[in-house]
Amino acid sequence: MNIQFIVVGWHMNQPSLIDGLFELKENNPTIKVFWSCHREPTDEIKNKFEHKVFFNGGEECGAYDQAIDYLDIDDETVCFFMHDDLIIKNWEFINLCIKTFNANSKCKVIGNGIDYIDPEFNPFQIKANGIKEEFDNKRFVDYVKPENQHLFDKIMPMLKVRPSFICMKYKDVKAMGGFEPRKEALVSPMVTNGVAHYRNEKGIGSFGNLYPALVCYKMNKVFGEGFVAYMSDRYLDSDFIYEMGRGELDPNNPIT
């Protein structure tokens, strides 16, 4: 079975991730590692891994989509989509994910720590401040690729998976139409007084939350009940991985 890691290149400073990925790919011919970078990578990343610098747009979901458009991935490949500020405790999560897929045909997505349920996601909600002027007063669904917009036909509750860590077979990534947003919404954050933000926004959280929500909506709609499993019932943390938030530990959700 082939395995493809796709890592968002931004922080590039976690040795447990970098060293572990390098060792894995050097010792396993079926494991490939690709860094989808939204800034110039460090010399270490350049020397150790296949990588490419893409336009910095769409946050991690943009980076994931740019990577799968660039790479040639077989349908049965198990893909790990990951932030680069993860702390890896135990690489046995690879075998756990493969065993989970093999044991449960309904499971299409595996997350790290459990995420909150959105009780009522509304794809028709208007967002007054667009990512750029042409998106002012557009609906959430208007940020979706045109070929996927038909899926967004109702308000519904949805299970979520944090975009820090998503494991899927590539055929299922294709089945949901890849990641979001549409290419016209790929916009780089501005920086004012050292603070990154989007147009008419105080930070990057608004769109940083919207794009993963659009992806999760598709997961729920396309795959249905039982589509997701989590490696832990803790938020951000499992026995295998701790998800940092923009390179920082979360004091409200400590690492175990």
C-alpha atoms as a PDB file:
ATOM      1  CA  MET A   1       0.000   0.000   0.000  1.00  0.00           C
ATOM      2  CA  ASN A   2       1.328   3.419  -0.962  1.00  0.00           C
ATOM      3  CA  ILE A   3       1.347   6.269   1.538  1.00  0.00           C
ATOM      4  CA  GLN A   4       1.568   9.977   0.690  1.00  0.00           C
ATOM      5  CA  PHE A   5       2.249  12.646   3.280  1.00  0.00           C
ATOM      6  CA  ILE A   6       1.298  16.186   2.259  1.00  0.00           C
ATOM      7  CA  VAL A   7       2.607  18.741   4.724  1.00  0.00           C
ATOM      8  CA  VAL A   8       1.775  22.446   4.723  1.00  0.00           C
ATOM      9  CA  GLY A   9       5.095  24.266   4.726  1.00  0.00           C
ATOM     10  CA  TRP A  10       4.898  27.319   6.984  1.00  0.00           C
ATOM     11  CA  HIS A  11       6.577  26.922  10.392  1.00  0.00           C
ATOM     12  CA  MET A  12       9.033  24.171   9.397  1.00  0.00           C
ATOM     13  CA  ASN A  13      10.533  23.908  12.883  1.00  0.00           C
ATOM     14  CA  GLN A  14       9.204  20.743  14.540  1.00  0.00           C
ATOM     15  CA  PRO A  15      11.983  18.149  14.768  1.00  0.00           C
ATOM     16  CA  SER A  16       9.665  15.287  15.756  1.00  0.00           C
ATOM     17  CA  LEU A  17       7.804  15.778  12.477  1.00  0.00           C
ATOM     18  CA  ILE A  18      10.727  16.593  10.193  1.00  0.00           C
ATOM     19  CA  ASP A  19      13.089  13.911  11.480  1.00  0.00           C
ATOM     20  CA  GLY A  20      10.361  11.294  11.600  1.00  0.00           C
ATOM     21  CA  LEU A  21       9.151  11.958   8.064  1.00  0.00           C
ATOM     22  CA  PHE A  22      12.695  11.862   6.719  1.00  0.00           C
ATOM     23  CA  GLU A  23      13.405   8.537   8.385  1.00  0.00           C
ATOM     24  CA  LEU A  24      10.116   7.085   7.160  1.00  0.00           C
ATOM     25  CA  LYS A  25      10.654   7.976   3.522  1.00  0.00           C
ATOM     26  CA  GLU A  26      14.311   6.945   3.546  1.00  0.00           C
ATOM     27  CA  ASN A  27      13.490   3.482   4.897  1.00  0.00           C
ATOM     28  CA  ASN A  28      10.172   2.766   3.166  1.00  0.00           C
ATOM     29  CA  PRO A  29       9.918   2.853  -0.641  1.00  0.00           C
ATOM     30  CA  THR A  30       6.104   2.967  -0.455  1.00  0.00           C
ATOM     31  CA  ILE A  31       6.100   6.200   1.583  1.00  0.00           C
ATOM     32  CA  LYS A  32       6.363   9.584  -0.132  1.00  0.00           C
ATOM     33  CA  VAL A  33       6.554  12.992   1.536  1.00  0.00           C
ATOM     34  CA  PHE A  34       5.683  16.295  -0.156  1.00  0.00           C
ATOM     35  CA  TRP A  35       5.843  19.744   1.408  1.00  0.00           C
ATOM     36  CA  SER A  36       3.268  22.142  -0.031  1.00  0.00           C
ATOM     37  CA  CYS A  37       4.919  25.404   0.971  1.00  0.00           C
ATOM     38  CA  HIS A  38       3.265  28.782   1.336  1.00  0.00           C
ATOM     39  CA  ARG A  39       6.579  30.468   1.989  1.00  0.00           C
ATOM     40  CA  GLU A  40      10.186  29.768   1.034  1.00  0.00           C
ATOM     41  CA  PRO A  41      11.240  26.526   2.744  1.00  0.00           C
ATOM     42  CA  THR A  42      14.240  26.187   4.987  1.00  0.00           C
ATOM     43  CA  ASP A  43      17.415  24.590   3.656  1.00  0.00           C
ATOM     44  CA  GLU A  44      16.600  21.498   5.715  1.00  0.00           C
ATOM     45  CA  ILE A  45      13.247  21.031   3.979  1.00  0.00           C
ATOM     46  CA  LYS A  46      14.806  21.699   0.570  1.00  0.00           C
ATOM     47  CA  ASN A  47      17.547  19.141   1.152  1.00  0.00           C
ATOM     48  CA  LYS A  48      15.418  16.403   2.686  1.00  0.00           C
ATOM     49  CA  PHE A  49      12.054  16.452   0.899  1.00  0.00           C
ATOM     50  CA  GLU A  50      10.231  16.889  -2.360  1.00  0.00           C
ATOM     51  CA  HIS A  51       8.636  20.322  -2.120  1.00  0.00           C
ATOM     52  CA  LYS A  52       7.150  23.185  -4.065  1.00  0.00           C
ATOM     53  CA  VAL A  53       6.348  26.777  -3.189  1.00  0.00           C
ATOM     54  CA  PHE A  54       2.780  27.651  -4.134  1.00  0.00           C
ATOM     55  CA  PHE A  55       0.907  30.922  -4.002  1.00  0.00           C
ATOM     56  CA  ASN A  56      -0.020  31.630  -0.384  1.00  0.00           C
ATOM     57  CA  GLY A  57      -3.787  31.428  -0.603  1.00  0.00           C
ATOM     58  CA  GLY A  58      -6.565  29.382   0.944  1.00  0.00           C
ATOM     59  CA  GLU A  59      -4.725  28.570   4.175  1.00  0.00           C
ATOM     60  CA  GLU A  60      -4.041  24.849   4.676  1.00  0.00           C
ATOM     61  CA  CYS A  61      -6.945  23.737   2.499  1.00  0.00           C
ATOM     62  CA  GLY A  62      -5.497  25.767  -0.353  1.00  0.00           C
ATOM     63  CA  ALA A  63      -2.110  24.142   0.199  1.00  0.00           C
ATOM     64  CA  TYR A  64      -3.632  20.659   0.214  1.00  0.00           C
ATOM     65  CA  ASP A  65      -5.518  21.332  -3.012  1.00  0.00           C
ATOM     66  CA  GLN A  66      -2.459  22.824  -4.704  1.00  0.00           C
ATOM     67  CA  ALA A  67      -0.499  19.711  -3.773  1.00  0.00           C
ATOM     68  CA  ILE A  68      -2.987  17.160  -5.091  1.00  0.00           C
ATOM     69  CA  ASP A  69      -3.326  19.127  -8.328  1.00  0.00           C
ATOM     70  CA  TYR A  70       0.465  18.995  -8.708  1.00  0.00           C
ATOM     71  CA  LEU A  71       1.124  15.400  -7.666  1.00  0.00           C
ATOM     72  CA  ASP A  72       0.227  12.170  -9.446  1.00  0.00           C
ATOM     73  CA  ILE A  73      -1.433  10.087  -6.731  1.00  0.00           C
ATOM     74  CA  ASP A  74      -2.900   6.617  -7.158  1.00  0.00           C
ATOM     75  CA  ASP A  75      -6.517   6.153  -6.070  1.00  0.00           C
ATOM     76  CA  GLU A  76      -5.702   3.593  -3.355  1.00  0.00           C
ATOM     77  CA  THR A  77      -2.933   5.684  -1.797  1.00  0.00           C
ATOM     78  CA  VAL A  78      -3.490   6.549   1.860  1.00  0.00           C
ATOM     79  CA  CYS A  79      -2.935  10.296   2.193  1.00  0.00           C
ATOM     80  CA  PHE A  80      -1.984  12.153   5.352  1.00  0.00           C
ATOM     81  CA  PHE A  81      -2.710  15.882   5.126  1.00  0.00           C
ATOM     82  CA  MET A  82      -0.851  17.602   7.941  1.00  0.00           C
ATOM     83  CA  HIS A  83       0.167  20.936   9.406  1.00  0.00           C
ATOM     84  CA  ASP A  84       3.889  21.320   9.963  1.00  0.00           C
ATOM     85  CA  ASP A  85       3.520  22.397  13.615  1.00  0.00           C
ATOM     86  CA  LEU A  86       2.349  18.984  14.795  1.00  0.00           C
ATOM     87  CA  ILE A  87       4.208  17.317  17.642  1.00  0.00           C
ATOM     88  CA  ILE A  88       4.527  13.635  16.795  1.00  0.00           C
ATOM     89  CA  LYS A  89       4.547  11.336  19.807  1.00  0.00           C
ATOM     90  CA  ASN A  90       4.174   7.961  18.100  1.00  0.00           C
ATOM     91  CA  TRP A  91       4.269   7.134  14.383  1.00  0.00           C
ATOM     92  CA  GLU A  92       2.083   4.069  14.940  1.00  0.00           C
ATOM     93  CA  PHE A  93      -0.831   6.264  13.870  1.00  0.00           C
ATOM     94  CA  ILE A  94       0.030   5.200  10.312  1.00  0.00           C
ATOM     95  CA  ASN A  95      -0.797   1.555  11.021  1.00  0.00           C
ATOM     96  CA  LEU A  96      -3.811   2.538  13.101  1.00  0.00           C
ATOM     97  CA  CYS A  97      -5.318   4.507  10.218  1.00  0.00           C
ATOM     98  CA  ILE A  98      -4.714   1.726   7.710  1.00  0.00           C
ATOM     99  CA  LYS A  99      -6.243  -0.865  10.051  1.00  0.00           C
ATOM    100  CA  THR A 100      -9.252   1.394  10.630  1.00  0.00           C
ATOM    101  CA  PHE A 101      -9.920   1.756   6.907  1.00  0.00           C
ATOM    102  CA  ASN A 102      -9.522  -1.990   6.379  1.00  0.00           C
ATOM    103  CA  ALA A 103     -11.873  -2.848   9.241  1.00  0.00           C
ATOM    104  CA  ASN A 104     -14.611  -0.319   8.492  1.00  0.00           C
ATOM    105  CA  SER A 105     -15.662   0.344   4.906  1.00  0.00           C
ATOM    106  CA  LYS A 106     -17.883   3.239   6.010  1.00  0.00           C
ATOM    107  CA  CYS A 107     -14.927   5.149   7.435  1.00  0.00           C
ATOM    108  CA  LYS A 108     -13.547   7.558   4.844  1.00  0.00           C
ATOM    109  CA  VAL A 109     -11.847  10.171   7.033  1.00  0.00           C
ATOM    110  CA  ILE A 110      -9.684   9.926  10.157  1.00  0.00           C
ATOM    111  CA  GLY A 111      -8.868  12.886  12.378  1.00  0.00           C
ATOM    112  CA  ASN A 112      -6.529  13.234  15.322  1.00  0.00           C
ATOM    113  CA  GLY A 113      -8.380  14.664  18.313  1.00  0.00           C
ATOM    114  CA  ILE A 114     -12.147  14.928  18.224  1.00  0.00           C
ATOM    115  CA  ASP A 115     -13.604  18.180  16.888  1.00  0.00           C
ATOM    116  CA  TYR A 116     -16.776  20.024  17.821  1.00  0.00           C
ATOM    117  CA  ILE A 117     -20.037  19.336  16.006  1.00  0.00           C
ATOM    118  CA  ASP A 118     -21.521  22.203  14.046  1.00  0.00           C
ATOM    119  CA  PRO A 119     -25.239  21.920  14.879  1.00  0.00           C
ATOM    120  CA  GLU A 120     -26.458  23.995  11.946  1.00  0.00           C
ATOM    121  CA  PHE A 121     -24.053  24.932   9.150  1.00  0.00           C
ATOM    122  CA  ASN A 122     -25.703  27.321   6.714  1.00  0.00           C
ATOM    123  CA  PRO A 123     -24.032  27.403   3.281  1.00  0.00           C
ATOM    124  CA  PHE A 124     -26.353  30.241   2.253  1.00  0.00           C
ATOM    125  CA  GLN A 125     -25.152  32.620   4.974  1.00  0.00           C
ATOM    126  CA  ILE A 126     -24.045  35.977   3.585  1.00  0.00           C
ATOM    127  CA  LYS A 127     -20.542  37.208   4.350  1.00  0.00           C
ATOM    128  CA  ALA A 128     -20.494  40.981   3.998  1.00  0.00           C
ATOM    129  CA  ASN A 129     -16.710  41.340   3.924  1.00  0.00           C
ATOM    130  CA  GLY A 130     -15.447  39.231   1.063  1.00  0.00           C
ATOM    131  CA  ILE A 131     -11.973  37.808   0.723  1.00  0.00           C
ATOM    132  CA  LYS A 132     -11.741  40.397  -2.040  1.00  0.00           C
ATOM    133  CA  GLU A 133     -14.205  42.957  -3.353  1.00  0.00           C
ATOM    134  CA  GLU A 134     -15.889  40.667  -5.865  1.00  0.00           C
ATOM    135  CA  PHE A 135     -16.912  38.389  -2.968  1.00  0.00           C
ATOM    136  CA  ASP A 136     -18.559  41.128  -0.874  1.00  0.00           C
ATOM    137  CA  ASN A 137     -22.046  40.067   0.241  1.00  0.00           C
ATOM    138  CA  LYS A 138     -21.604  36.615  -1.250  1.00  0.00           C
ATOM    139  CA  ARG A 139     -22.811  33.392   0.342  1.00  0.00           C
ATOM    140  CA  PHE A 140     -20.513  30.798   1.868  1.00  0.00           C
ATOM    141  CA  VAL A 141     -21.376  28.478  -1.047  1.00  0.00           C
ATOM    142  CA  ASP A 142     -20.053  31.082  -3.481  1.00  0.00           C
ATOM    143  CA  TYR A 143     -16.551  30.300  -2.208  1.00  0.00           C
ATOM    144  CA  VAL A 144     -16.955  26.679  -3.337  1.00  0.00           C
ATOM    145  CA  LYS A 145     -15.629  25.386  -6.640  1.00  0.00           C
ATOM    146  CA  PRO A 146     -18.425  25.624  -9.235  1.00  0.00           C
ATOM    147  CA  GLU A 147     -18.349  21.868  -9.872  1.00  0.00           C
ATOM    148  CA  ASN A 148     -19.020  21.198  -6.170  1.00  0.00           C
ATOM    149  CA  GLN A 149     -21.665  23.824  -5.446  1.00  0.00           C
ATOM    150  CA  HIS A 150     -24.551  21.440  -6.136  1.00  0.00           C
ATOM    151  CA  LEU A 151     -23.665  19.579  -2.942  1.00  0.00           C
ATOM    152  CA  PHE A 152     -24.459  22.628  -0.805  1.00  0.00           C
ATOM    153  CA  ASP A 153     -28.220  22.490  -0.968  1.00  0.00           C
ATOM    154  CA  LYS A 154     -29.395  22.733   2.638  1.00  0.00           C
ATOM    155  CA  ILE A 155     -28.677  23.838   6.187  1.00  0.00           C
ATOM    156  CA  MET A 156     -27.544  20.816   8.168  1.00  0.00           C
ATOM    157  CA  PRO A 157     -25.606  19.662  11.230  1.00  0.00           C
ATOM    158  CA  MET A 158     -22.163  18.312  10.488  1.00  0.00           C
ATOM    159  CA  LEU A 159     -19.329  16.446  12.089  1.00  0.00           C
ATOM    160  CA  LYS A 160     -15.997  18.184  11.682  1.00  0.00           C
ATOM    161  CA  VAL A 161     -12.372  17.178  11.308  1.00  0.00           C
ATOM    162  CA  ARG A 162      -9.657  19.659  12.144  1.00  0.00           C
ATOM    163  CA  PRO A 163      -7.532  20.434   9.069  1.00  0.00           C
ATOM    164  CA  SER A 164      -4.347  20.012  11.134  1.00  0.00           C
ATOM    165  CA  PHE A 165      -4.518  16.275  10.452  1.00  0.00           C
ATOM    166  CA  ILE A 166      -6.728  14.524   7.913  1.00  0.00           C
ATOM    167  CA  CYS A 167      -6.194  10.969   6.705  1.00  0.00           C
ATOM    168  CA  MET A 168      -8.076   9.755   3.614  1.00  0.00           C
ATOM    169  CA  LYS A 169      -7.613   7.438   0.686  1.00  0.00           C
ATOM    170  CA  TYR A 170      -7.031   9.492  -2.429  1.00  0.00           C
ATOM    171  CA  LYS A 171     -10.060   8.023  -4.199  1.00  0.00           C
ATOM    172  CA  ASP A 172     -12.218   9.538  -1.453  1.00  0.00           C
ATOM    173  CA  VAL A 173     -10.484  12.911  -1.735  1.00  0.00           C
ATOM    174  CA  LYS A 174     -11.460  12.818  -5.417  1.00  0.00           C
ATOM    175  CA  ALA A 175     -15.007  11.690  -4.596  1.00  0.00           C
ATOM    176  CA  MET A 176     -15.612  14.836  -2.535  1.00  0.00           C
ATOM    177  CA  GLY A 177     -14.089  17.101  -5.180  1.00  0.00           C
ATOM    178  CA  GLY A 178     -10.842  17.896  -3.389  1.00  0.00           C
ATOM    179  CA  PHE A 179     -10.481  20.760  -0.952  1.00  0.00           C
ATOM    180  CA  GLU A 180     -11.921  24.262  -0.987  1.00  0.00           C
ATOM    181  CA  PRO A 181     -12.034  27.194  -1.780  1.00  0.00           C
ATOM    182  CA  ARG A 182     -12.327  27.936  -5.483  1.00  0.00           C
ATOM    183  CA  LYS A 183      -9.256  29.407  -7.186  1.00  0.00           C
ATOM    184  CA  GLU A 184     -10.762  32.905  -7.379  1.00  0.00           C
ATOM    185  CA  ALA A 185     -10.804  32.997  -3.558  1.00  0.00           C
ATOM    186  CA  LEU A 186      -7.111  32.185  -3.164  1.00  0.00           C
ATOM    187  CA  VAL A 187      -5.892  35.421  -1.603  1.00  0.00           C
ATOM    188  CA  SER A 188      -2.827  36.017   0.562  1.00  0.00           C
ATOM    189  CA  PRO A 189      -3.304  37.607   3.979  1.00  0.00           C
ATOM    190  CA  MET A 190      -2.201  41.197   4.460  1.00  0.00           C
ATOM    191  CA  VAL A 191       0.166  42.135   7.264  1.00  0.00           C
ATOM    192  CA  THR A 192      -0.413  45.315   9.262  1.00  0.00           C
ATOM    193  CA  ASN A 193       1.830  46.175  12.204  1.00  0.00           C
ATOM    194  CA  GLY A 194       3.066  42.614  12.216  1.00  0.00           C
ATOM    195  CA  VAL A 195      -0.435  41.113  12.335  1.00  0.00           C
ATOM    196  CA  ALA A 196      -1.698  38.927   9.477  1.00  0.00           C
ATOM    197  CA  HIS A 197      -5.284  39.596   8.431  1.00  0.00           C
ATOM    198  CA  TYR A 198      -7.622  39.529   5.486  1.00  0.00           C
ATOM    199  CA  ARG A 199      -9.345  42.473   3.887  1.00  0.00           C
ATOM    200  CA  ASN A 200     -11.540  44.316   6.429  1.00  0.00           C
ATOM    201  CA  GLU A 201     -10.845  41.612   9.014  1.00  0.00           C
ATOM    202  CA  LYS A 202      -8.928  41.766  12.305  1.00  0.00           C
ATOM    203  CA  GLY A 203      -7.177  38.453  11.707  1.00  0.00           C
ATOM    204  CA  ILE A 204      -7.216  35.358   9.527  1.00  0.00           C
ATOM    205  CA  GLY A 205      -9.627  33.228  11.551  1.00  0.00           C
ATOM    206  CA  SER A 206     -12.751  34.060   9.583  1.00  0.00           C
ATOM    207  CA  PHE A 207     -11.615  32.468   6.340  1.00  0.00           C
ATOM    208  CA  GLY A 208      -9.281  30.104   8.155  1.00  0.00           C
ATOM    209  CA  ASN A 209     -12.410  28.566   9.677  1.00  0.00           C
ATOM    210  CA  LEU A 210     -14.687  28.876   6.645  1.00  0.00           C
ATOM    211  CA  TYR A 211     -12.621  26.862   4.181  1.00  0.00           C
ATOM    212  CA  PRO A 212     -12.260  23.769   6.418  1.00  0.00           C
ATOM    213  CA  ALA A 213     -15.985  24.018   7.200  1.00  0.00           C
ATOM    214  CA  LEU A 214     -16.790  23.862   3.498  1.00  0.00           C
ATOM    215  CA  VAL A 215     -14.633  20.748   3.192  1.00  0.00           C
ATOM    216  CA  CYS A 216     -16.320  19.144   6.206  1.00  0.00           C
ATOM    217  CA  TYR A 217     -19.758  19.883   4.755  1.00  0.00           C
ATOM    218  CA  LYS A 218     -18.778  17.925   1.639  1.00  0.00           C
ATOM    219  CA  MET A 219     -17.459  15.036   3.732  1.00  0.00           C
ATOM    220  CA  ASN A 220     -20.765  14.785   5.582  1.00  0.00           C
ATOM    221  CA  LYS A 221     -22.818  15.103   2.394  1.00  0.00           C
ATOM    222  CA  VAL A 222     -20.836  12.749   0.162  1.00  0.00           C
ATOM    223  CA  PHE A 223     -19.901  10.008   2.643  1.00  0.00           C
ATOM    224  CA  GLY A 224     -22.829  10.032   5.073  1.00  0.00           C
ATOM    225  CA  GLU A 225     -23.244   8.492   8.491  1.00  0.00           C
ATOM    226  CA  GLY A 226     -20.191   6.848  10.023  1.00  0.00           C
ATOM    227  CA  PHE A 227     -17.715   8.514   7.650  1.00  0.00           C
ATOM    228  CA  VAL A 228     -15.299   9.753  10.316  1.00  0.00           C
ATOM    229  CA  ALA A 229     -13.170   8.254  13.072  1.00  0.00           C
ATOM    230  CA  TYR A 230     -10.894  10.019  15.527  1.00  0.00           C
ATOM    231  CA  MET A 231      -7.715   8.775  17.164  1.00  0.00           C
ATOM    232  CA  SER A 232      -8.724  10.397  20.452  1.00  0.00           C
ATOM    233  CA  ASP A 233     -11.720  11.812  22.292  1.00  0.00           C
ATOM    234  CA  ARG A 234      -9.541  14.746  23.395  1.00  0.00           C
ATOM    235  CA  TYR A 235      -9.431  18.053  21.541  1.00  0.00           C
ATOM    236  CA  LEU A 236      -6.091  18.697  19.745  1.00  0.00           C
ATOM    237  CA  ASP A 237      -4.400  15.776  21.473  1.00  0.00           C
ATOM    238  CA  SER A 238      -4.083  12.027  21.051  1.00  0.00           C
ATOM    239  CA  ASP A 239      -1.592   9.362  22.083  1.00  0.00           C
ATOM    240  CA  PHE A 240       0.038   9.915  18.695  1.00  0.00           C
ATOM    241  CA  ILE A 241      -0.104  13.625  17.819  1.00  0.00           C
ATOM    242  CA  TYR A 242      -0.530  17.006  19.452  1.00  0.00           C
ATOM    243  CA  GLU A 243      -1.883  19.779  17.232  1.00  0.00           C
ATOM    244  CA  MET A 244      -0.344  23.136  17.983  1.00  0.00           C
ATOM    245  CA  GLY A 245      -2.260  26.294  17.093  1.00  0.00           C
ATOM    246  CA  ARG A 246      -0.232  28.459  14.732  1.00  0.00           C
ATOM    247  CA  GLY A 247       2.947  27.119  16.262  1.00  0.00           C
ATOM    248  CA  GLU A 248       1.850  27.508  19.897  1.00  0.00           C
ATOM    249  CA  LEU A 249       0.704  25.119  22.596  1.00  0.00           C
ATOM    250  CA  ASP A 250      -2.889  25.666  23.719  1.00  0.00           C
ATOM    251  CA  PRO A 251      -2.948  26.218  27.526  1.00  0.00           C
ATOM    252  CA  ASN A 252      -6.600  25.178  27.630  1.00  0.00           C
ATOM    253  CA  ASN A 253      -5.828  21.877  25.887  1.00  0.00           C
ATOM    254  CA  PRO A 254      -2.418  20.762  27.176  1.00  0.00           C
ATOM    255  CA  ILE A 255      -0.334  18.046  25.640  1.00  0.00           C
ATOM    256  CA  THR A 256      -0.441  14.685  27.462  1.00  0.00           C
END
